[in-house]
N, C-alpha and C. Protein backbone atom coordinates (compact mmCIF):
# COMPACT_ATOMS: atom_id res chain seq x y z
N MET A 1 85.16 43.96 130.75
CA MET A 1 86.04 43.23 131.67
C MET A 1 86.09 43.95 133.00
N HIS A 2 85.90 43.20 134.07
CA HIS A 2 85.93 43.79 135.40
C HIS A 2 87.37 43.96 135.89
N THR A 3 87.63 45.12 136.46
CA THR A 3 89.00 45.41 136.93
C THR A 3 89.05 45.83 138.39
N SER A 4 87.89 46.01 139.04
CA SER A 4 87.89 46.49 140.41
C SER A 4 86.84 45.76 141.24
N ALA A 5 87.10 45.67 142.55
CA ALA A 5 86.20 44.92 143.42
C ALA A 5 86.18 45.51 144.82
N LEU A 6 85.05 45.30 145.50
CA LEU A 6 84.90 45.62 146.90
C LEU A 6 84.60 44.32 147.63
N VAL A 7 85.47 43.95 148.57
CA VAL A 7 85.34 42.68 149.28
C VAL A 7 84.69 42.92 150.64
N LEU A 8 83.61 42.20 150.91
CA LEU A 8 83.01 42.24 152.24
C LEU A 8 83.93 41.43 153.15
N PHE A 9 84.69 42.14 153.98
CA PHE A 9 85.84 41.56 154.67
C PHE A 9 85.69 41.67 156.18
N SER A 10 85.33 40.56 156.81
CA SER A 10 85.14 40.54 158.26
C SER A 10 86.43 40.22 159.01
N GLY A 11 87.39 39.66 158.30
CA GLY A 11 88.63 39.24 158.96
C GLY A 11 88.62 37.78 159.36
N GLY A 12 87.64 37.02 158.88
CA GLY A 12 87.59 35.59 159.15
C GLY A 12 88.24 34.78 158.04
N GLN A 13 88.22 33.46 158.20
CA GLN A 13 88.82 32.57 157.21
C GLN A 13 88.21 32.76 155.83
N ASP A 14 86.89 32.78 155.75
CA ASP A 14 86.21 32.85 154.46
C ASP A 14 86.48 34.17 153.75
N SER A 15 86.32 35.28 154.46
CA SER A 15 86.48 36.57 153.80
C SER A 15 87.93 36.84 153.45
N THR A 16 88.87 36.29 154.22
CA THR A 16 90.28 36.44 153.87
C THR A 16 90.61 35.67 152.60
N THR A 17 90.04 34.48 152.48
CA THR A 17 90.23 33.70 151.25
C THR A 17 89.61 34.43 150.06
N CYS A 18 88.44 35.04 150.27
CA CYS A 18 87.81 35.81 149.20
C CYS A 18 88.63 37.04 148.83
N LEU A 19 89.26 37.65 149.83
CA LEU A 19 90.11 38.81 149.54
C LEU A 19 91.31 38.39 148.70
N ALA A 20 91.93 37.27 149.04
CA ALA A 20 93.05 36.76 148.24
C ALA A 20 92.59 36.46 146.82
N HIS A 21 91.40 35.89 146.70
CA HIS A 21 90.83 35.60 145.39
C HIS A 21 90.69 36.89 144.58
N ALA A 22 90.15 37.93 145.20
CA ALA A 22 89.96 39.20 144.50
C ALA A 22 91.29 39.83 144.12
N LEU A 23 92.27 39.78 145.02
CA LEU A 23 93.58 40.38 144.75
C LEU A 23 94.31 39.66 143.62
N SER A 24 93.99 38.40 143.43
CA SER A 24 94.61 37.64 142.33
C SER A 24 93.95 37.90 140.99
N ARG A 25 92.78 38.58 141.01
CA ARG A 25 92.00 38.77 139.78
C ARG A 25 91.86 40.22 139.34
N TYR A 26 91.80 41.14 140.30
CA TYR A 26 91.43 42.52 139.97
C TYR A 26 92.56 43.50 140.25
N GLU A 27 92.59 44.56 139.46
CA GLU A 27 93.66 45.54 139.56
C GLU A 27 93.52 46.45 140.78
N ARG A 28 92.27 46.70 141.17
CA ARG A 28 92.02 47.56 142.33
C ARG A 28 91.00 46.89 143.24
N VAL A 29 91.37 46.71 144.49
CA VAL A 29 90.52 46.01 145.45
C VAL A 29 90.41 46.84 146.73
N GLU A 30 89.18 47.07 147.17
CA GLU A 30 88.94 47.72 148.45
C GLU A 30 88.17 46.77 149.35
N THR A 31 88.14 47.08 150.64
CA THR A 31 87.50 46.20 151.61
C THR A 31 86.48 46.99 152.43
N ILE A 32 85.48 46.26 152.93
CA ILE A 32 84.45 46.89 153.76
C ILE A 32 84.03 45.94 154.86
N ALA A 33 83.77 46.50 156.05
CA ALA A 33 83.29 45.71 157.19
C ALA A 33 82.21 46.51 157.91
N PHE A 34 81.53 45.82 158.84
CA PHE A 34 80.37 46.41 159.49
C PHE A 34 80.41 46.13 160.99
N ASP A 35 80.22 47.17 161.76
CA ASP A 35 80.08 47.03 163.21
C ASP A 35 78.60 47.05 163.53
N TYR A 36 78.06 45.86 163.84
CA TYR A 36 76.64 45.77 164.17
C TYR A 36 76.44 45.36 165.63
N ARG A 37 77.47 45.65 166.43
CA ARG A 37 77.48 45.33 167.86
C ARG A 37 77.46 43.82 168.07
N GLN A 38 78.17 43.11 167.21
CA GLN A 38 78.28 41.67 167.30
C GLN A 38 79.08 41.27 168.55
N ARG A 39 78.73 40.13 169.12
CA ARG A 39 79.44 39.64 170.30
C ARG A 39 80.92 39.44 169.99
N HIS A 40 81.22 39.02 168.78
CA HIS A 40 82.60 38.77 168.37
C HIS A 40 83.18 40.01 167.69
N VAL A 41 82.99 41.15 168.33
CA VAL A 41 83.47 42.42 167.76
C VAL A 41 85.00 42.43 167.62
N VAL A 42 85.66 41.50 168.30
CA VAL A 42 87.12 41.38 168.17
C VAL A 42 87.52 41.16 166.72
N GLU A 43 86.61 40.66 165.89
CA GLU A 43 86.93 40.44 164.48
C GLU A 43 87.31 41.75 163.78
N LEU A 44 86.79 42.86 164.28
CA LEU A 44 87.09 44.15 163.65
C LEU A 44 88.55 44.55 163.88
N ASP A 45 89.14 44.10 164.97
CA ASP A 45 90.57 44.31 165.19
C ASP A 45 91.39 43.29 164.40
N ALA A 46 90.92 42.04 164.37
CA ALA A 46 91.64 40.98 163.66
C ALA A 46 91.78 41.32 162.19
N ARG A 47 90.75 41.88 161.60
CA ARG A 47 90.79 42.17 160.16
C ARG A 47 91.89 43.17 159.80
N LEU A 48 92.17 44.11 160.70
CA LEU A 48 93.22 45.08 160.42
C LEU A 48 94.59 44.41 160.45
N ARG A 49 94.75 43.45 161.37
CA ARG A 49 96.02 42.70 161.41
C ARG A 49 96.17 41.86 160.15
N VAL A 50 95.07 41.27 159.69
CA VAL A 50 95.13 40.46 158.47
C VAL A 50 95.53 41.33 157.29
N LEU A 51 94.95 42.52 157.18
CA LEU A 51 95.31 43.43 156.09
C LEU A 51 96.79 43.79 156.13
N ASP A 52 97.30 44.08 157.32
CA ASP A 52 98.72 44.41 157.47
C ASP A 52 99.60 43.24 157.07
N GLU A 53 99.23 42.04 157.51
CA GLU A 53 100.02 40.85 157.20
C GLU A 53 99.98 40.53 155.71
N LEU A 54 98.85 40.72 155.08
CA LEU A 54 98.75 40.48 153.64
C LEU A 54 99.66 41.44 152.87
N ARG A 55 99.65 42.69 153.26
CA ARG A 55 100.51 43.67 152.58
C ARG A 55 101.98 43.31 152.76
N ARG A 56 102.32 42.85 153.95
CA ARG A 56 103.72 42.53 154.22
C ARG A 56 104.15 41.24 153.49
N ALA A 57 103.29 40.25 153.48
CA ALA A 57 103.65 38.95 152.91
C ALA A 57 103.55 38.90 151.40
N TYR A 58 102.69 39.75 150.82
CA TYR A 58 102.44 39.69 149.38
C TYR A 58 102.54 41.09 148.76
N PRO A 59 103.75 41.58 148.51
CA PRO A 59 103.94 42.92 147.96
C PRO A 59 103.20 43.14 146.64
N HIS A 60 103.08 42.09 145.82
CA HIS A 60 102.40 42.25 144.54
C HIS A 60 100.90 42.45 144.75
N TRP A 61 100.35 41.98 145.86
CA TRP A 61 98.96 42.24 146.19
C TRP A 61 98.81 43.60 146.87
N ALA A 62 99.81 43.99 147.64
CA ALA A 62 99.73 45.25 148.38
C ALA A 62 99.48 46.44 147.45
N SER A 63 100.07 46.38 146.27
CA SER A 63 99.90 47.48 145.33
C SER A 63 98.47 47.56 144.79
N ARG A 64 97.72 46.48 144.90
CA ARG A 64 96.33 46.45 144.43
C ARG A 64 95.33 46.75 145.54
N LEU A 65 95.78 46.63 146.78
CA LEU A 65 94.89 46.73 147.93
C LEU A 65 94.70 48.20 148.32
N GLY A 66 93.49 48.67 148.14
CA GLY A 66 93.21 50.08 148.35
C GLY A 66 92.51 50.37 149.67
N GLN A 67 91.61 51.30 149.65
CA GLN A 67 90.98 51.83 150.86
C GLN A 67 90.13 50.78 151.58
N ASP A 68 90.14 50.88 152.91
CA ASP A 68 89.30 50.03 153.76
C ASP A 68 88.18 50.89 154.34
N HIS A 69 86.98 50.31 154.41
CA HIS A 69 85.81 51.03 154.90
C HIS A 69 85.19 50.27 156.07
N LEU A 70 84.85 50.98 157.13
CA LEU A 70 84.15 50.38 158.27
C LEU A 70 82.89 51.19 158.52
N LEU A 71 81.72 50.54 158.43
CA LEU A 71 80.45 51.22 158.61
C LEU A 71 79.80 50.81 159.93
N ASP A 72 79.22 51.78 160.61
CA ASP A 72 78.51 51.54 161.86
C ASP A 72 77.05 51.24 161.53
N VAL A 73 76.65 50.00 161.77
CA VAL A 73 75.25 49.61 161.53
C VAL A 73 74.66 49.05 162.82
N ALA A 74 74.77 49.85 163.88
CA ALA A 74 74.28 49.45 165.20
C ALA A 74 72.80 49.09 165.16
N VAL A 75 72.07 49.68 164.22
CA VAL A 75 70.64 49.40 164.12
C VAL A 75 70.37 47.92 163.91
N LEU A 76 71.27 47.21 163.22
CA LEU A 76 71.08 45.79 162.98
C LEU A 76 71.11 45.02 164.31
N GLY A 77 72.05 45.38 165.17
CA GLY A 77 72.10 44.74 166.48
C GLY A 77 70.90 45.10 167.33
N ALA A 78 70.40 46.33 167.16
CA ALA A 78 69.27 46.80 167.96
C ALA A 78 67.98 46.06 167.62
N VAL A 79 67.81 45.68 166.36
CA VAL A 79 66.56 45.03 165.96
C VAL A 79 66.66 43.51 165.97
N SER A 80 67.84 42.98 166.29
CA SER A 80 68.05 41.53 166.25
C SER A 80 67.97 40.92 167.65
N GLU A 81 67.33 39.79 167.74
CA GLU A 81 67.32 38.99 168.97
C GLU A 81 68.00 37.66 168.63
N THR A 82 69.33 37.66 168.53
CA THR A 82 70.07 36.47 168.12
C THR A 82 71.23 36.24 169.08
N SER A 83 71.83 35.07 168.97
CA SER A 83 72.97 34.76 169.83
C SER A 83 74.25 35.43 169.37
N LEU A 84 74.21 36.12 168.23
CA LEU A 84 75.37 36.90 167.80
C LEU A 84 75.27 38.34 168.26
N THR A 85 74.07 38.75 168.68
CA THR A 85 73.88 40.14 169.12
C THR A 85 73.37 40.23 170.56
N ARG A 86 73.16 39.09 171.22
CA ARG A 86 72.73 39.05 172.61
C ARG A 86 73.52 37.97 173.34
N GLU A 87 73.60 38.08 174.65
CA GLU A 87 74.30 37.08 175.46
C GLU A 87 73.37 35.90 175.72
N THR A 88 73.11 35.12 174.68
CA THR A 88 72.26 33.95 174.79
C THR A 88 72.98 32.73 174.24
N GLU A 89 72.53 31.56 174.63
CA GLU A 89 73.17 30.31 174.21
C GLU A 89 72.83 30.00 172.76
N PHE A 90 73.76 29.32 172.10
CA PHE A 90 73.54 28.89 170.73
C PHE A 90 72.56 27.72 170.73
N GLN A 91 71.52 27.83 169.91
CA GLN A 91 70.55 26.74 169.83
C GLN A 91 69.74 26.85 168.54
N MET A 92 69.05 25.76 168.23
CA MET A 92 68.16 25.77 167.08
C MET A 92 66.82 26.36 167.47
N GLN A 93 66.18 27.03 166.52
CA GLN A 93 64.89 27.66 166.77
C GLN A 93 63.76 26.79 166.20
N ALA A 94 62.56 27.15 166.54
CA ALA A 94 61.39 26.39 166.08
C ALA A 94 61.26 26.39 164.57
N ASN A 95 61.78 27.44 163.92
CA ASN A 95 61.68 27.53 162.46
C ASN A 95 62.75 26.74 161.73
N GLY A 96 63.60 26.03 162.49
CA GLY A 96 64.63 25.20 161.89
C GLY A 96 65.94 25.90 161.63
N LEU A 97 66.01 27.19 161.93
CA LEU A 97 67.24 27.96 161.76
C LEU A 97 67.95 28.11 163.10
N PRO A 98 69.27 28.14 163.10
CA PRO A 98 69.99 28.39 164.35
C PRO A 98 69.79 29.84 164.78
N ASN A 99 69.89 30.08 166.10
CA ASN A 99 69.67 31.45 166.56
C ASN A 99 70.90 32.33 166.34
N THR A 100 71.89 31.80 165.61
CA THR A 100 73.00 32.63 165.14
C THR A 100 72.62 33.39 163.86
N PHE A 101 71.49 33.05 163.28
CA PHE A 101 71.03 33.74 162.08
C PHE A 101 70.56 35.15 162.44
N VAL A 102 71.19 36.16 161.84
CA VAL A 102 70.81 37.56 162.06
C VAL A 102 69.97 37.98 160.86
N PRO A 103 68.65 38.08 161.02
CA PRO A 103 67.78 38.37 159.87
C PRO A 103 68.17 39.67 159.17
N GLY A 104 68.31 39.57 157.86
CA GLY A 104 68.60 40.75 157.06
C GLY A 104 70.06 41.17 157.02
N ARG A 105 70.93 40.46 157.72
CA ARG A 105 72.32 40.91 157.83
C ARG A 105 73.00 40.99 156.47
N ASN A 106 73.04 39.91 155.72
CA ASN A 106 73.73 39.94 154.43
C ASN A 106 73.01 40.84 153.42
N LEU A 107 71.70 40.94 153.54
CA LEU A 107 70.95 41.81 152.64
C LEU A 107 71.35 43.27 152.89
N LEU A 108 71.44 43.65 154.17
CA LEU A 108 71.85 45.01 154.52
C LEU A 108 73.30 45.25 154.13
N PHE A 109 74.17 44.28 154.43
CA PHE A 109 75.59 44.43 154.11
C PHE A 109 75.79 44.66 152.61
N LEU A 110 75.12 43.86 151.82
CA LEU A 110 75.28 43.99 150.37
C LEU A 110 74.72 45.31 149.85
N THR A 111 73.62 45.76 150.42
CA THR A 111 73.04 47.03 150.00
C THR A 111 73.99 48.19 150.31
N LEU A 112 74.54 48.19 151.51
CA LEU A 112 75.48 49.25 151.88
C LEU A 112 76.78 49.14 151.08
N ALA A 113 77.23 47.91 150.87
CA ALA A 113 78.45 47.72 150.06
C ALA A 113 78.23 48.23 148.64
N ALA A 114 77.04 47.99 148.11
CA ALA A 114 76.73 48.46 146.75
C ALA A 114 76.74 49.99 146.69
N ALA A 115 76.26 50.62 147.75
CA ALA A 115 76.27 52.09 147.79
C ALA A 115 77.70 52.62 147.80
N VAL A 116 78.57 51.96 148.58
CA VAL A 116 79.99 52.36 148.61
C VAL A 116 80.64 52.08 147.26
N ALA A 117 80.33 50.93 146.67
CA ALA A 117 80.89 50.58 145.36
C ALA A 117 80.46 51.60 144.31
N TYR A 118 79.23 52.06 144.40
CA TYR A 118 78.73 53.08 143.47
C TYR A 118 79.57 54.36 143.60
N ARG A 119 79.77 54.78 144.84
CA ARG A 119 80.54 56.02 145.08
C ARG A 119 81.99 55.88 144.68
N ARG A 120 82.56 54.67 144.89
CA ARG A 120 83.98 54.45 144.64
C ARG A 120 84.25 53.91 143.24
N ASP A 121 83.20 53.74 142.43
CA ASP A 121 83.31 53.24 141.07
C ASP A 121 83.96 51.86 141.04
N LEU A 122 83.46 50.96 141.89
CA LEU A 122 83.92 49.57 141.95
C LEU A 122 82.86 48.68 141.31
N GLN A 123 83.30 47.68 140.57
CA GLN A 123 82.38 46.94 139.71
C GLN A 123 81.85 45.63 140.30
N VAL A 124 82.62 45.02 141.20
CA VAL A 124 82.29 43.69 141.71
C VAL A 124 82.20 43.72 143.23
N LEU A 125 81.17 43.08 143.78
CA LEU A 125 81.07 42.85 145.22
C LEU A 125 81.44 41.40 145.47
N VAL A 126 82.41 41.17 146.33
CA VAL A 126 82.88 39.81 146.62
C VAL A 126 82.50 39.47 148.06
N THR A 127 81.79 38.36 148.22
CA THR A 127 81.35 37.95 149.56
C THR A 127 81.57 36.45 149.76
N GLY A 128 81.81 36.07 151.00
CA GLY A 128 82.17 34.68 151.31
C GLY A 128 81.01 33.79 151.67
N VAL A 129 79.81 34.12 151.22
CA VAL A 129 78.66 33.26 151.52
C VAL A 129 78.84 31.91 150.84
N CYS A 130 78.17 30.91 151.43
CA CYS A 130 78.38 29.52 150.97
C CYS A 130 77.13 28.71 151.23
N GLU A 131 76.74 27.91 150.26
CA GLU A 131 75.56 27.07 150.39
C GLU A 131 75.92 25.61 150.66
N THR A 132 77.21 25.29 150.62
CA THR A 132 77.63 23.89 150.75
C THR A 132 77.89 23.50 152.20
N ASP A 133 78.62 24.34 152.91
CA ASP A 133 79.09 24.01 154.26
C ASP A 133 78.71 25.17 155.17
N PHE A 134 77.41 25.31 155.45
CA PHE A 134 76.96 26.49 156.17
C PHE A 134 75.91 26.12 157.21
N SER A 135 75.38 27.12 157.89
CA SER A 135 74.46 26.89 159.01
C SER A 135 72.99 26.98 158.61
N GLY A 136 72.72 26.98 157.32
CA GLY A 136 71.34 27.04 156.87
C GLY A 136 70.78 28.43 156.71
N TYR A 137 71.65 29.44 156.73
CA TYR A 137 71.18 30.82 156.62
C TYR A 137 70.59 31.06 155.24
N PRO A 138 69.34 31.52 155.15
CA PRO A 138 68.73 31.75 153.83
C PRO A 138 69.40 32.88 153.06
N ASP A 139 70.06 33.82 153.76
CA ASP A 139 70.70 34.93 153.05
C ASP A 139 72.12 34.59 152.59
N CYS A 140 72.48 33.29 152.65
CA CYS A 140 73.76 32.83 152.11
C CYS A 140 73.57 32.02 150.83
N ARG A 141 72.34 31.83 150.42
CA ARG A 141 72.05 30.95 149.29
C ARG A 141 72.32 31.64 147.95
N ASP A 142 72.60 30.81 146.97
CA ASP A 142 72.90 31.31 145.62
C ASP A 142 71.71 32.08 145.06
N ASP A 143 70.49 31.59 145.28
CA ASP A 143 69.31 32.29 144.77
C ASP A 143 69.20 33.69 145.37
N THR A 144 69.53 33.81 146.65
CA THR A 144 69.49 35.12 147.30
C THR A 144 70.49 36.06 146.67
N MET A 145 71.69 35.55 146.40
CA MET A 145 72.73 36.39 145.80
C MET A 145 72.34 36.85 144.40
N LYS A 146 71.75 35.95 143.63
CA LYS A 146 71.31 36.32 142.28
C LYS A 146 70.22 37.38 142.33
N ALA A 147 69.29 37.22 143.28
CA ALA A 147 68.21 38.19 143.43
C ALA A 147 68.76 39.55 143.87
N MET A 148 69.72 39.54 144.78
CA MET A 148 70.33 40.79 145.24
C MET A 148 71.10 41.47 144.12
N GLN A 149 71.80 40.69 143.32
CA GLN A 149 72.55 41.27 142.20
C GLN A 149 71.62 41.99 141.25
N LEU A 150 70.49 41.37 140.95
CA LEU A 150 69.52 41.99 140.04
C LEU A 150 68.92 43.25 140.67
N ALA A 151 68.50 43.14 141.93
CA ALA A 151 67.85 44.28 142.60
C ALA A 151 68.81 45.46 142.74
N LEU A 152 70.05 45.19 143.13
CA LEU A 152 71.02 46.28 143.32
C LEU A 152 71.40 46.92 141.98
N SER A 153 71.56 46.11 140.96
CA SER A 153 71.90 46.65 139.65
C SER A 153 70.78 47.53 139.11
N LEU A 154 69.54 47.09 139.30
CA LEU A 154 68.40 47.89 138.86
C LEU A 154 68.25 49.15 139.71
N GLY A 155 68.36 48.97 141.03
CA GLY A 155 68.14 50.09 141.93
C GLY A 155 69.23 51.15 141.87
N MET A 156 70.45 50.75 141.52
CA MET A 156 71.55 51.70 141.39
C MET A 156 71.72 52.21 139.96
N ASP A 157 70.98 51.57 139.04
CA ASP A 157 71.16 51.87 137.61
C ASP A 157 72.63 51.73 137.23
N LYS A 158 73.25 50.69 137.74
CA LYS A 158 74.67 50.41 137.50
C LYS A 158 74.84 48.90 137.58
N ARG A 159 75.43 48.31 136.58
CA ARG A 159 75.56 46.87 136.55
C ARG A 159 76.61 46.41 137.56
N LEU A 160 76.16 45.75 138.60
CA LEU A 160 77.03 45.23 139.66
C LEU A 160 77.05 43.71 139.59
N LEU A 161 78.22 43.15 139.80
CA LEU A 161 78.37 41.69 139.87
C LEU A 161 78.61 41.30 141.32
N ILE A 162 77.83 40.34 141.82
CA ILE A 162 78.11 39.77 143.14
C ILE A 162 78.82 38.45 142.92
N GLU A 163 80.05 38.40 143.38
CA GLU A 163 80.89 37.21 143.19
C GLU A 163 80.98 36.43 144.50
N THR A 164 80.77 35.12 144.42
CA THR A 164 80.75 34.25 145.61
C THR A 164 81.70 33.08 145.40
N PRO A 165 82.99 33.29 145.62
CA PRO A 165 83.99 32.25 145.31
C PRO A 165 83.82 30.95 146.12
N LEU A 166 83.13 31.02 147.26
CA LEU A 166 83.03 29.85 148.14
C LEU A 166 81.67 29.16 148.06
N MET A 167 80.80 29.63 147.19
CA MET A 167 79.41 29.20 147.21
C MET A 167 79.25 27.68 147.16
N TRP A 168 80.05 27.00 146.35
CA TRP A 168 79.83 25.56 146.14
C TRP A 168 80.96 24.70 146.68
N ILE A 169 81.76 25.23 147.60
CA ILE A 169 82.83 24.43 148.20
C ILE A 169 82.66 24.37 149.72
N ASP A 170 83.22 23.32 150.33
CA ASP A 170 83.11 23.20 151.78
C ASP A 170 84.34 23.81 152.46
N LYS A 171 84.41 23.72 153.79
CA LYS A 171 85.47 24.38 154.52
C LYS A 171 86.85 23.79 154.21
N ALA A 172 86.92 22.48 154.00
CA ALA A 172 88.20 21.88 153.64
C ALA A 172 88.69 22.43 152.31
N GLU A 173 87.77 22.56 151.37
CA GLU A 173 88.13 23.11 150.06
C GLU A 173 88.47 24.59 150.15
N THR A 174 87.89 25.28 151.13
CA THR A 174 88.25 26.69 151.34
C THR A 174 89.69 26.81 151.80
N TRP A 175 90.12 25.92 152.70
CA TRP A 175 91.54 25.89 153.08
C TRP A 175 92.41 25.60 151.86
N ARG A 176 91.99 24.66 151.02
CA ARG A 176 92.79 24.32 149.84
C ARG A 176 92.83 25.48 148.85
N LEU A 177 91.73 26.20 148.72
CA LEU A 177 91.71 27.35 147.83
C LEU A 177 92.70 28.40 148.32
N ALA A 178 92.74 28.63 149.62
CA ALA A 178 93.70 29.59 150.18
C ALA A 178 95.13 29.18 149.84
N GLU A 179 95.41 27.89 149.96
CA GLU A 179 96.76 27.40 149.64
C GLU A 179 97.06 27.60 148.15
N THR A 180 96.07 27.36 147.29
CA THR A 180 96.26 27.57 145.85
C THR A 180 96.54 29.03 145.54
N LEU A 181 95.86 29.92 146.23
CA LEU A 181 95.99 31.35 145.95
C LEU A 181 97.28 31.95 146.51
N GLY A 182 97.66 31.52 147.70
CA GLY A 182 98.79 32.17 148.36
C GLY A 182 99.80 31.24 149.00
N GLY A 183 99.68 29.94 148.69
CA GLY A 183 100.64 28.99 149.25
C GLY A 183 100.42 28.74 150.73
N LYS A 184 101.32 27.96 151.31
CA LYS A 184 101.25 27.64 152.74
C LYS A 184 101.32 28.89 153.60
N ARG A 185 101.99 29.92 153.08
CA ARG A 185 102.11 31.15 153.85
C ARG A 185 100.75 31.79 154.10
N LEU A 186 99.87 31.73 153.12
CA LEU A 186 98.53 32.28 153.30
C LEU A 186 97.74 31.43 154.29
N VAL A 187 97.89 30.12 154.21
CA VAL A 187 97.21 29.24 155.17
C VAL A 187 97.66 29.57 156.59
N GLU A 188 98.97 29.74 156.78
CA GLU A 188 99.50 30.08 158.10
C GLU A 188 98.99 31.44 158.57
N LEU A 189 98.89 32.38 157.66
CA LEU A 189 98.37 33.71 158.00
C LEU A 189 96.92 33.61 158.46
N ILE A 190 96.14 32.80 157.76
CA ILE A 190 94.74 32.62 158.13
C ILE A 190 94.62 31.97 159.50
N VAL A 191 95.43 30.95 159.74
CA VAL A 191 95.42 30.27 161.03
C VAL A 191 95.74 31.25 162.16
N GLU A 192 96.77 32.02 161.97
CA GLU A 192 97.31 32.85 163.06
C GLU A 192 96.54 34.15 163.29
N HIS A 193 96.01 34.74 162.24
CA HIS A 193 95.51 36.12 162.38
C HIS A 193 94.02 36.31 162.15
N THR A 194 93.35 35.40 161.44
CA THR A 194 91.92 35.60 161.20
C THR A 194 91.11 35.22 162.43
N HIS A 195 89.86 35.68 162.46
CA HIS A 195 88.99 35.36 163.59
C HIS A 195 87.64 34.87 163.09
N THR A 196 87.19 33.74 163.66
CA THR A 196 85.92 33.14 163.27
C THR A 196 84.99 32.93 164.47
N CYS A 197 85.53 32.68 165.63
CA CYS A 197 84.76 32.30 166.83
C CYS A 197 83.66 33.30 167.16
N TYR A 198 82.43 32.79 167.33
CA TYR A 198 81.28 33.63 167.64
C TYR A 198 81.37 34.27 169.02
N LEU A 199 82.16 33.67 169.92
CA LEU A 199 82.28 34.22 171.27
C LEU A 199 83.42 35.23 171.38
N GLY A 200 84.15 35.42 170.31
CA GLY A 200 85.24 36.38 170.33
C GLY A 200 86.45 35.91 171.12
N GLU A 201 86.59 34.61 171.29
CA GLU A 201 87.68 34.04 172.09
C GLU A 201 89.00 34.08 171.32
N ARG A 202 90.01 34.74 171.91
CA ARG A 202 91.34 34.81 171.29
C ARG A 202 92.43 34.27 172.22
N ASP A 203 92.06 33.61 173.30
CA ASP A 203 93.05 33.11 174.27
C ASP A 203 93.51 31.69 173.97
N HIS A 204 92.66 30.91 173.33
CA HIS A 204 92.99 29.51 173.09
C HIS A 204 93.39 29.29 171.64
N ARG A 205 94.62 28.80 171.45
CA ARG A 205 95.16 28.55 170.10
C ARG A 205 95.02 27.07 169.77
N HIS A 206 94.33 26.78 168.70
CA HIS A 206 94.17 25.41 168.20
C HIS A 206 94.99 25.27 166.92
N ALA A 207 95.03 24.09 166.37
CA ALA A 207 95.79 23.87 165.13
C ALA A 207 95.23 24.73 164.01
N TRP A 208 93.94 25.01 164.05
CA TRP A 208 93.26 25.76 162.98
C TRP A 208 93.15 27.25 163.30
N GLY A 209 93.60 27.67 164.48
CA GLY A 209 93.53 29.08 164.83
C GLY A 209 92.98 29.30 166.22
N TYR A 210 92.57 30.53 166.51
CA TYR A 210 92.08 30.90 167.83
C TYR A 210 90.56 30.81 167.91
N GLY A 211 90.07 30.38 169.09
CA GLY A 211 88.63 30.32 169.27
C GLY A 211 88.27 29.47 170.47
N CYS A 212 86.97 29.50 170.82
CA CYS A 212 86.50 28.73 171.97
C CYS A 212 86.56 27.23 171.69
N GLY A 213 86.40 26.87 170.42
CA GLY A 213 86.47 25.46 170.05
C GLY A 213 85.14 24.73 170.05
N HIS A 214 84.08 25.37 170.56
CA HIS A 214 82.80 24.66 170.65
C HIS A 214 81.60 25.42 170.10
N CYS A 215 81.77 26.68 169.72
CA CYS A 215 80.65 27.38 169.08
C CYS A 215 80.50 26.85 167.65
N PRO A 216 79.36 27.09 167.00
CA PRO A 216 79.16 26.56 165.64
C PRO A 216 80.25 26.97 164.66
N ALA A 217 80.73 28.21 164.75
CA ALA A 217 81.76 28.68 163.80
C ALA A 217 83.07 27.95 164.02
N CYS A 218 83.45 27.75 165.28
CA CYS A 218 84.69 27.03 165.58
C CYS A 218 84.61 25.57 165.13
N GLU A 219 83.48 24.95 165.40
CA GLU A 219 83.32 23.54 165.02
C GLU A 219 83.40 23.36 163.52
N LEU A 220 82.79 24.26 162.77
CA LEU A 220 82.82 24.18 161.31
C LEU A 220 84.25 24.37 160.79
N ARG A 221 84.95 25.36 161.34
CA ARG A 221 86.32 25.62 160.92
C ARG A 221 87.24 24.45 161.28
N ALA A 222 87.05 23.89 162.47
CA ALA A 222 87.89 22.77 162.93
C ALA A 222 87.68 21.53 162.07
N ARG A 223 86.42 21.23 161.73
CA ARG A 223 86.15 20.07 160.88
C ARG A 223 86.77 20.24 159.50
N GLY A 224 86.66 21.44 158.97
CA GLY A 224 87.27 21.70 157.66
C GLY A 224 88.78 21.54 157.70
N TRP A 225 89.40 22.03 158.77
CA TRP A 225 90.85 21.91 158.92
C TRP A 225 91.27 20.44 158.99
N GLU A 226 90.50 19.65 159.74
CA GLU A 226 90.81 18.23 159.88
C GLU A 226 90.75 17.52 158.53
N ARG A 227 89.75 17.83 157.73
CA ARG A 227 89.63 17.20 156.41
C ARG A 227 90.73 17.71 155.47
N TYR A 228 91.06 18.98 155.60
CA TYR A 228 92.12 19.57 154.78
C TYR A 228 93.47 18.91 155.09
N GLN A 229 93.70 18.60 156.35
CA GLN A 229 94.97 18.01 156.77
C GLN A 229 95.05 16.50 156.53
N ALA A 230 93.92 15.86 156.32
CA ALA A 230 93.90 14.40 156.15
C ALA A 230 94.63 14.00 154.87
N PRO A 231 95.38 12.89 154.93
CA PRO A 231 96.07 12.41 153.73
C PRO A 231 95.08 12.09 152.62
N VAL A 232 95.47 12.42 151.41
CA VAL A 232 94.63 12.14 150.26
C VAL A 232 94.71 10.65 149.93
N SER A 233 93.57 9.98 149.90
CA SER A 233 93.55 8.53 149.59
C SER A 233 93.75 8.31 148.10
N THR A 234 94.42 7.23 147.77
CA THR A 234 94.68 6.91 146.36
C THR A 234 94.03 5.58 146.00
């Protein structure tokens, strides 16, 4: 039986929902984030506010929430030519992938997270990747996660589980999952304190939270919020 987890926690809607999921399941939960010189580096500040708010709002989770880890992986930004690591416009590429795709990002994140989990004796890696409502990133697919789980378990000689609570749900269902896990208070916390916008915009407040409103991440979050708020047809 698994009792501990390490959550890949960027401070966005998805990773906050995954953190709530882990806190509702495991006795000991730690968090990890990565500074890869992303344009939206403001997320690294937002995540600390989210952690503080979670501890304050949910005392029963606070007792389970352990150490936070921040790793400097500037090399990822150095080798990437993407709109998340360079001041370039968001667009589709000739290969059919958006230029927001950072090659190797999730593979590197999971490898480093596994190394930390090994040192900290944590059994489960929790990540917010999703194949249902995503931008087509190949490193978010279920097959990729299964392959990484096998490779990391073999390479570490330690059985690691990669858990993907959002893999088969869309953004509207992610909002609903947050409400199921932590009630309306968690939804409000996500709206007010998490960060998703690729441009790092924190000046404009929308019904779904802060952001530019027109980058791919904002558009996806806004559409999910609209569907989440829509009356259920009978």
